[in-house]
Amino acid sequence: MQTSHQRRREMFLRLKDFAATHTDISAVTAWPPLVTGINTVCSDLDAHAAAEAAHDGAGRAREE
């Protein structure tokens, strides 16, 4: 994974942690939909990172 992509992924994970620890933010704000979006992005990024790692590992196994 490129460094810039890894940094963005880490940023979203920090946002996800922030959302998990700040549950006292009012539900009448724009916060709940944002948290849902953040969780979706984190799940998508995790799946992408796992697929990329599996692909990289398969390529290395063929080289040996």
PDB file of N, CA and C in Angstrom:
ATOM      1  N   MET A   1       0.850  -1.168   0.000  1.00  0.00           N
ATOM      2  CA  MET A   1       0.000   0.000   0.000  1.00  0.00           C
ATOM      3  C   MET A   1       0.897   1.234   0.000  1.00  0.00           C
ATOM      4  N   GLN A   2       0.538   2.196  -0.800  1.00  0.00           N
ATOM      5  CA  GLN A   2       1.325   3.417  -0.862  1.00  0.00           C
ATOM      6  C   GLN A   2       1.244   4.162   0.465  1.00  0.00           C
ATOM      7  N   THR A   3       2.289   4.918   0.752  1.00  0.00           N
ATOM      8  CA  THR A   3       2.353   5.647   2.014  1.00  0.00           C
ATOM      9  C   THR A   3       1.178   6.606   2.161  1.00  0.00           C
ATOM     10  N   SER A   4       0.837   7.318   1.102  1.00  0.00           N
ATOM     11  CA  SER A   4      -0.278   8.275   1.195  1.00  0.00           C
ATOM     12  C   SER A   4      -1.592   7.555   1.459  1.00  0.00           C
ATOM     13  N   HIS A   5      -1.776   6.381   0.873  1.00  0.00           N
ATOM     14  CA  HIS A   5      -3.003   5.616   1.121  1.00  0.00           C
ATOM     15  C   HIS A   5      -3.029   5.102   2.556  1.00  0.00           C
ATOM     16  N   GLN A   6      -1.887   4.661   3.043  1.00  0.00           N
ATOM     17  CA  GLN A   6      -1.800   4.178   4.424  1.00  0.00           C
ATOM     18  C   GLN A   6      -2.109   5.304   5.409  1.00  0.00           C
ATOM     19  N   ARG A   7      -1.613   6.490   5.132  1.00  0.00           N
ATOM     20  CA  ARG A   7      -1.882   7.625   6.022  1.00  0.00           C
ATOM     21  C   ARG A   7      -3.355   7.987   6.039  1.00  0.00           C
ATOM     22  N   ARG A   8      -3.989   7.954   4.879  1.00  0.00           N
ATOM     23  CA  ARG A   8      -5.432   8.241   4.829  1.00  0.00           C
ATOM     24  C   ARG A   8      -6.216   7.173   5.591  1.00  0.00           C
ATOM     25  N   ARG A   9      -5.828   5.933   5.431  1.00  0.00           N
ATOM     26  CA  ARG A   9      -6.488   4.842   6.156  1.00  0.00           C
ATOM     27  C   ARG A   9      -6.352   5.046   7.659  1.00  0.00           C
ATOM     28  N   GLU A  10      -5.146   5.407   8.098  1.00  0.00           N
ATOM     29  CA  GLU A  10      -4.917   5.658   9.522  1.00  0.00           C
ATOM     30  C   GLU A  10      -5.752   6.833  10.020  1.00  0.00           C
ATOM     31  N   MET A  11      -5.920   7.861   9.169  1.00  0.00           N
ATOM     32  CA  MET A  11      -6.736   9.011   9.543  1.00  0.00           C
ATOM     33  C   MET A  11      -8.185   8.570   9.768  1.00  0.00           C
ATOM     34  N   PHE A  12      -8.719   7.756   8.860  1.00  0.00           N
ATOM     35  CA  PHE A  12     -10.093   7.285   9.015  1.00  0.00           C
ATOM     36  C   PHE A  12     -10.232   6.398  10.242  1.00  0.00           C
ATOM     37  N   LEU A  13      -9.217   5.612  10.549  1.00  0.00           N
ATOM     38  CA  LEU A  13      -9.279   4.783  11.753  1.00  0.00           C
ATOM     39  C   LEU A  13      -9.271   5.646  13.012  1.00  0.00           C
ATOM     40  N   ARG A  14      -8.513   6.739  12.997  1.00  0.00           N
ATOM     41  CA  ARG A  14      -8.531   7.663  14.136  1.00  0.00           C
ATOM     42  C   ARG A  14      -9.910   8.315  14.275  1.00  0.00           C
ATOM     43  N   LEU A  15     -10.528   8.678  13.141  1.00  0.00           N
ATOM     44  CA  LEU A  15     -11.879   9.242  13.180  1.00  0.00           C
ATOM     45  C   LEU A  15     -12.880   8.237  13.737  1.00  0.00           C
ATOM     46  N   LYS A  16     -12.715   6.978  13.348  1.00  0.00           N
ATOM     47  CA  LYS A  16     -13.599   5.926  13.850  1.00  0.00           C
ATOM     48  C   LYS A  16     -13.444   5.773  15.361  1.00  0.00           C
ATOM     49  N   ASP A  17     -12.206   5.808  15.850  1.00  0.00           N
ATOM     50  CA  ASP A  17     -11.966   5.736  17.299  1.00  0.00           C
ATOM     51  C   ASP A  17     -12.566   6.942  18.012  1.00  0.00           C
ATOM     52  N   PHE A  18     -12.428   8.128  17.409  1.00  0.00           N
ATOM     53  CA  PHE A  18     -12.999   9.341  17.989  1.00  0.00           C
ATOM     54  C   PHE A  18     -14.516   9.191  18.107  1.00  0.00           C
ATOM     55  N   ALA A  19     -15.138   8.710  17.045  1.00  0.00           N
ATOM     56  CA  ALA A  19     -16.593   8.546  17.054  1.00  0.00           C
ATOM     57  C   ALA A  19     -17.028   7.550  18.124  1.00  0.00           C
ATOM     58  N   ALA A  20     -16.239   6.496  18.317  1.00  0.00           N
ATOM     59  CA  ALA A  20     -16.588   5.485  19.316  1.00  0.00           C
ATOM     60  C   ALA A  20     -16.484   6.027  20.732  1.00  0.00           C
ATOM     61  N   THR A  21     -15.578   6.964  20.958  1.00  0.00           N
ATOM     62  CA  THR A  21     -15.397   7.496  22.310  1.00  0.00           C
ATOM     63  C   THR A  21     -16.236   8.742  22.581  1.00  0.00           C
ATOM     64  N   HIS A  22     -16.834   9.318  21.554  1.00  0.00           N
ATOM     65  CA  HIS A  22     -17.643  10.528  21.737  1.00  0.00           C
ATOM     66  C   HIS A  22     -19.098  10.249  21.355  1.00  0.00           C
ATOM     67  N   THR A  23     -19.694   9.349  22.085  1.00  0.00           N
ATOM     68  CA  THR A  23     -21.078   8.975  21.814  1.00  0.00           C
ATOM     69  C   THR A  23     -22.059   9.997  22.380  1.00  0.00           C
ATOM     70  N   ASP A  24     -21.556  10.990  23.108  1.00  0.00           N
ATOM     71  CA  ASP A  24     -22.419  11.995  23.724  1.00  0.00           C
ATOM     72  C   ASP A  24     -22.817  13.111  22.759  1.00  0.00           C
ATOM     73  N   ILE A  25     -22.332  13.088  21.527  1.00  0.00           N
ATOM     74  CA  ILE A  25     -22.685  14.114  20.548  1.00  0.00           C
ATOM     75  C   ILE A  25     -24.144  13.906  20.154  1.00  0.00           C
ATOM     76  N   SER A  26     -24.882  14.982  20.110  1.00  0.00           N
ATOM     77  CA  SER A  26     -26.317  14.937  19.875  1.00  0.00           C
ATOM     78  C   SER A  26     -26.681  14.251  18.561  1.00  0.00           C
ATOM     79  N   ALA A  27     -27.741  13.481  18.612  1.00  0.00           N
ATOM     80  CA  ALA A  27     -28.215  12.775  17.416  1.00  0.00           C
ATOM     81  C   ALA A  27     -28.915  13.708  16.442  1.00  0.00           C
ATOM     82  N   VAL A  28     -29.215  14.940  16.857  1.00  0.00           N
ATOM     83  CA  VAL A  28     -29.887  15.877  15.953  1.00  0.00           C
ATOM     84  C   VAL A  28     -28.883  16.628  15.073  1.00  0.00           C
ATOM     85  N   THR A  29     -27.617  16.368  15.273  1.00  0.00           N
ATOM     86  CA  THR A  29     -26.592  17.001  14.445  1.00  0.00           C
ATOM     87  C   THR A  29     -26.332  16.144  13.215  1.00  0.00           C
ATOM     88  N   ALA A  30     -25.387  16.558  12.415  1.00  0.00           N
ATOM     89  CA  ALA A  30     -25.001  15.788  11.228  1.00  0.00           C
ATOM     90  C   ALA A  30     -24.060  14.643  11.590  1.00  0.00           C
ATOM     91  N   TRP A  31     -23.765  14.480  12.865  1.00  0.00           N
ATOM     92  CA  TRP A  31     -22.779  13.500  13.306  1.00  0.00           C
ATOM     93  C   TRP A  31     -23.149  12.046  12.994  1.00  0.00           C
ATOM     94  N   PRO A  32     -24.360  11.566  13.302  1.00  0.00           N
ATOM     95  CA  PRO A  32     -24.662  10.142  13.047  1.00  0.00           C
ATOM     96  C   PRO A  32     -24.451   9.699  11.594  1.00  0.00           C
ATOM     97  N   PRO A  33     -24.892  10.460  10.583  1.00  0.00           N
ATOM     98  CA  PRO A  33     -24.610  10.028   9.215  1.00  0.00           C
ATOM     99  C   PRO A  33     -23.111  10.041   8.891  1.00  0.00           C
ATOM    100  N   LEU A  34     -22.397  10.974   9.477  1.00  0.00           N
ATOM    101  CA  LEU A  34     -20.948  11.012   9.253  1.00  0.00           C
ATOM    102  C   LEU A  34     -20.277   9.785   9.844  1.00  0.00           C
ATOM    103  N   VAL A  35     -20.698   9.388  11.025  1.00  0.00           N
ATOM    104  CA  VAL A  35     -20.127   8.202  11.667  1.00  0.00           C
ATOM    105  C   VAL A  35     -20.416   6.963  10.826  1.00  0.00           C
ATOM    106  N   THR A  36     -21.622   6.879  10.285  1.00  0.00           N
ATOM    107  CA  THR A  36     -21.963   5.753   9.413  1.00  0.00           C
ATOM    108  C   THR A  36     -21.054   5.734   8.192  1.00  0.00           C
ATOM    109  N   GLY A  37     -20.830   6.901   7.601  1.00  0.00           N
ATOM    110  CA  GLY A  37     -19.936   6.995   6.449  1.00  0.00           C
ATOM    111  C   GLY A  37     -18.505   6.627   6.793  1.00  0.00           C
ATOM    112  N   ILE A  38     -18.034   7.087   7.942  1.00  0.00           N
ATOM    113  CA  ILE A  38     -16.672   6.771   8.380  1.00  0.00           C
ATOM    114  C   ILE A  38     -16.513   5.261   8.564  1.00  0.00           C
ATOM    115  N   ASN A  39     -17.502   4.635   9.188  1.00  0.00           N
ATOM    116  CA  ASN A  39     -17.445   3.185   9.395  1.00  0.00           C
ATOM    117  C   ASN A  39     -17.451   2.433   8.071  1.00  0.00           C
ATOM    118  N   THR A  40     -18.225   2.916   7.116  1.00  0.00           N
ATOM    119  CA  THR A  40     -18.267   2.287   5.795  1.00  0.00           C
ATOM    120  C   THR A  40     -16.925   2.412   5.092  1.00  0.00           C
ATOM    121  N   VAL A  41     -16.346   3.603   5.145  1.00  0.00           N
ATOM    122  CA  VAL A  41     -15.043   3.828   4.514  1.00  0.00           C
ATOM    123  C   VAL A  41     -13.986   2.948   5.160  1.00  0.00           C
ATOM    124  N   CYS A  42     -13.993   2.846   6.480  1.00  0.00           N
ATOM    125  CA  CYS A  42     -13.009   2.004   7.174  1.00  0.00           C
ATOM    126  C   CYS A  42     -13.151   0.538   6.772  1.00  0.00           C
ATOM    127  N   SER A  43     -14.369   0.066   6.671  1.00  0.00           N
ATOM    128  CA  SER A  43     -14.591  -1.325   6.247  1.00  0.00           C
ATOM    129  C   SER A  43     -14.091  -1.551   4.828  1.00  0.00           C
ATOM    130  N   ASP A  44     -14.399  -0.601   3.942  1.00  0.00           N
ATOM    131  CA  ASP A  44     -13.948  -0.715   2.553  1.00  0.00           C
ATOM    132  C   ASP A  44     -12.426  -0.677   2.455  1.00  0.00           C
ATOM    133  N   LEU A  45     -11.806   0.211   3.209  1.00  0.00           N
ATOM    134  CA  LEU A  45     -10.346   0.312   3.187  1.00  0.00           C
ATOM    135  C   LEU A  45      -9.692  -0.942   3.762  1.00  0.00           C
ATOM    136  N   ASP A  46     -10.268  -1.500   4.810  1.00  0.00           N
ATOM    137  CA  ASP A  46      -9.735  -2.741   5.380  1.00  0.00           C
ATOM    138  C   ASP A  46      -9.809  -3.877   4.369  1.00  0.00           C
ATOM    139  N   ALA A  47     -10.939  -3.962   3.667  1.00  0.00           N
ATOM    140  CA  ALA A  47     -11.091  -5.013   2.657  1.00  0.00           C
ATOM    141  C   ALA A  47     -10.093  -4.816   1.519  1.00  0.00           C
ATOM    142  N   HIS A  48      -9.915  -3.571   1.112  1.00  0.00           N
ATOM    143  CA  HIS A  48      -8.967  -3.279   0.036  1.00  0.00           C
ATOM    144  C   HIS A  48      -7.537  -3.609   0.464  1.00  0.00           C
ATOM    145  N   ALA A  49      -7.180  -3.228   1.685  1.00  0.00           N
ATOM    146  CA  ALA A  49      -5.827  -3.499   2.186  1.00  0.00           C
ATOM    147  C   ALA A  49      -5.584  -5.004   2.292  1.00  0.00           C
ATOM    148  N   ALA A  50      -6.585  -5.752   2.733  1.00  0.00           N
ATOM    149  CA  ALA A  50      -6.440  -7.206   2.845  1.00  0.00           C
ATOM    150  C   ALA A  50      -6.287  -7.848   1.468  1.00  0.00           C
ATOM    151  N   ALA A  51      -7.066  -7.384   0.505  1.00  0.00           N
ATOM    152  CA  ALA A  51      -6.967  -7.925  -0.852  1.00  0.00           C
ATOM    153  C   ALA A  51      -5.613  -7.601  -1.463  1.00  0.00           C
ATOM    154  N   GLU A  52      -5.143  -6.391  -1.218  1.00  0.00           N
ATOM    155  CA  GLU A  52      -3.841  -5.992  -1.744  1.00  0.00           C
ATOM    156  C   GLU A  52      -2.720  -6.812  -1.111  1.00  0.00           C
ATOM    157  N   ALA A  53      -2.797  -7.043   0.189  1.00  0.00           N
ATOM    158  CA  ALA A  53      -1.776  -7.839   0.873  1.00  0.00           C
ATOM    159  C   ALA A  53      -1.790  -9.281   0.373  1.00  0.00           C
ATOM    160  N   ALA A  54      -2.978  -9.825   0.141  1.00  0.00           N
ATOM    161  CA  ALA A  54      -3.077 -11.194  -0.373  1.00  0.00           C
ATOM    162  C   ALA A  54      -2.499 -11.281  -1.781  1.00  0.00           C
ATOM    163  N   HIS A  55      -2.774 -10.267  -2.573  1.00  0.00           N
ATOM    164  CA  HIS A  55      -2.253 -10.236  -3.943  1.00  0.00           C
ATOM    165  C   HIS A  55      -0.733 -10.134  -3.922  1.00  0.00           C
ATOM    166  N   ASP A  56      -0.198  -9.273  -3.070  1.00  0.00           N
ATOM    167  CA  ASP A  56       1.261  -9.135  -2.949  1.00  0.00           C
ATOM    168  C   ASP A  56       1.900 -10.431  -2.488  1.00  0.00           C
ATOM    169  N   GLY A  57       1.263 -11.098  -1.521  1.00  0.00           N
ATOM    170  CA  GLY A  57       1.797 -12.358  -1.007  1.00  0.00           C
ATOM    171  C   GLY A  57       1.777 -13.451  -2.064  1.00  0.00           C
ATOM    172  N   ALA A  58       0.743 -13.489  -2.880  1.00  0.00           N
ATOM    173  CA  ALA A  58       0.658 -14.496  -3.937  1.00  0.00           C
ATOM    174  C   ALA A  58       1.735 -14.260  -4.993  1.00  0.00           C
ATOM    175  N   GLY A  59       2.017 -13.002  -5.279  1.00  0.00           N
ATOM    176  CA  GLY A  59       3.062 -12.680  -6.250  1.00  0.00           C
ATOM    177  C   GLY A  59       4.433 -13.060  -5.745  1.00  0.00           C
ATOM    178  N   ARG A  60       4.674 -12.861  -4.483  1.00  0.00           N
ATOM    179  CA  ARG A  60       5.973 -13.234  -3.904  1.00  0.00           C
ATOM    180  C   ARG A  60       6.129 -14.734  -3.869  1.00  0.00           C
ATOM    181  N   ALA A  61       5.048 -15.464  -3.610  1.00  0.00           N
ATOM    182  CA  ALA A  61       5.125 -16.921  -3.551  1.00  0.00           C
ATOM    183  C   ALA A  61       5.479 -17.497  -4.921  1.00  0.00           C
ATOM    184  N   ARG A  62       4.972 -16.890  -5.994  1.00  0.00           N
ATOM    185  CA  ARG A  62       5.287 -17.367  -7.340  1.00  0.00           C
ATOM    186  C   ARG A  62       6.732 -17.101  -7.705  1.00  0.00           C
ATOM    187  N   GLU A  63       7.314 -16.017  -7.170  1.00  0.00           N
ATOM    188  CA  GLU A  63       8.687 -15.662  -7.490  1.00  0.00           C
ATOM    189  C   GLU A  63       9.681 -16.640  -6.877  1.00  0.00           C
ATOM    190  N   GLU A  64       9.325 -17.262  -5.780  1.00  0.00           N
ATOM    191  CA  GLU A  64      10.262 -18.149  -5.072  1.00  0.00           C
ATOM    192  C   GLU A  64      10.327 -19.469  -5.683  1.00  0.00           C
TER     193      GLU A  64
END
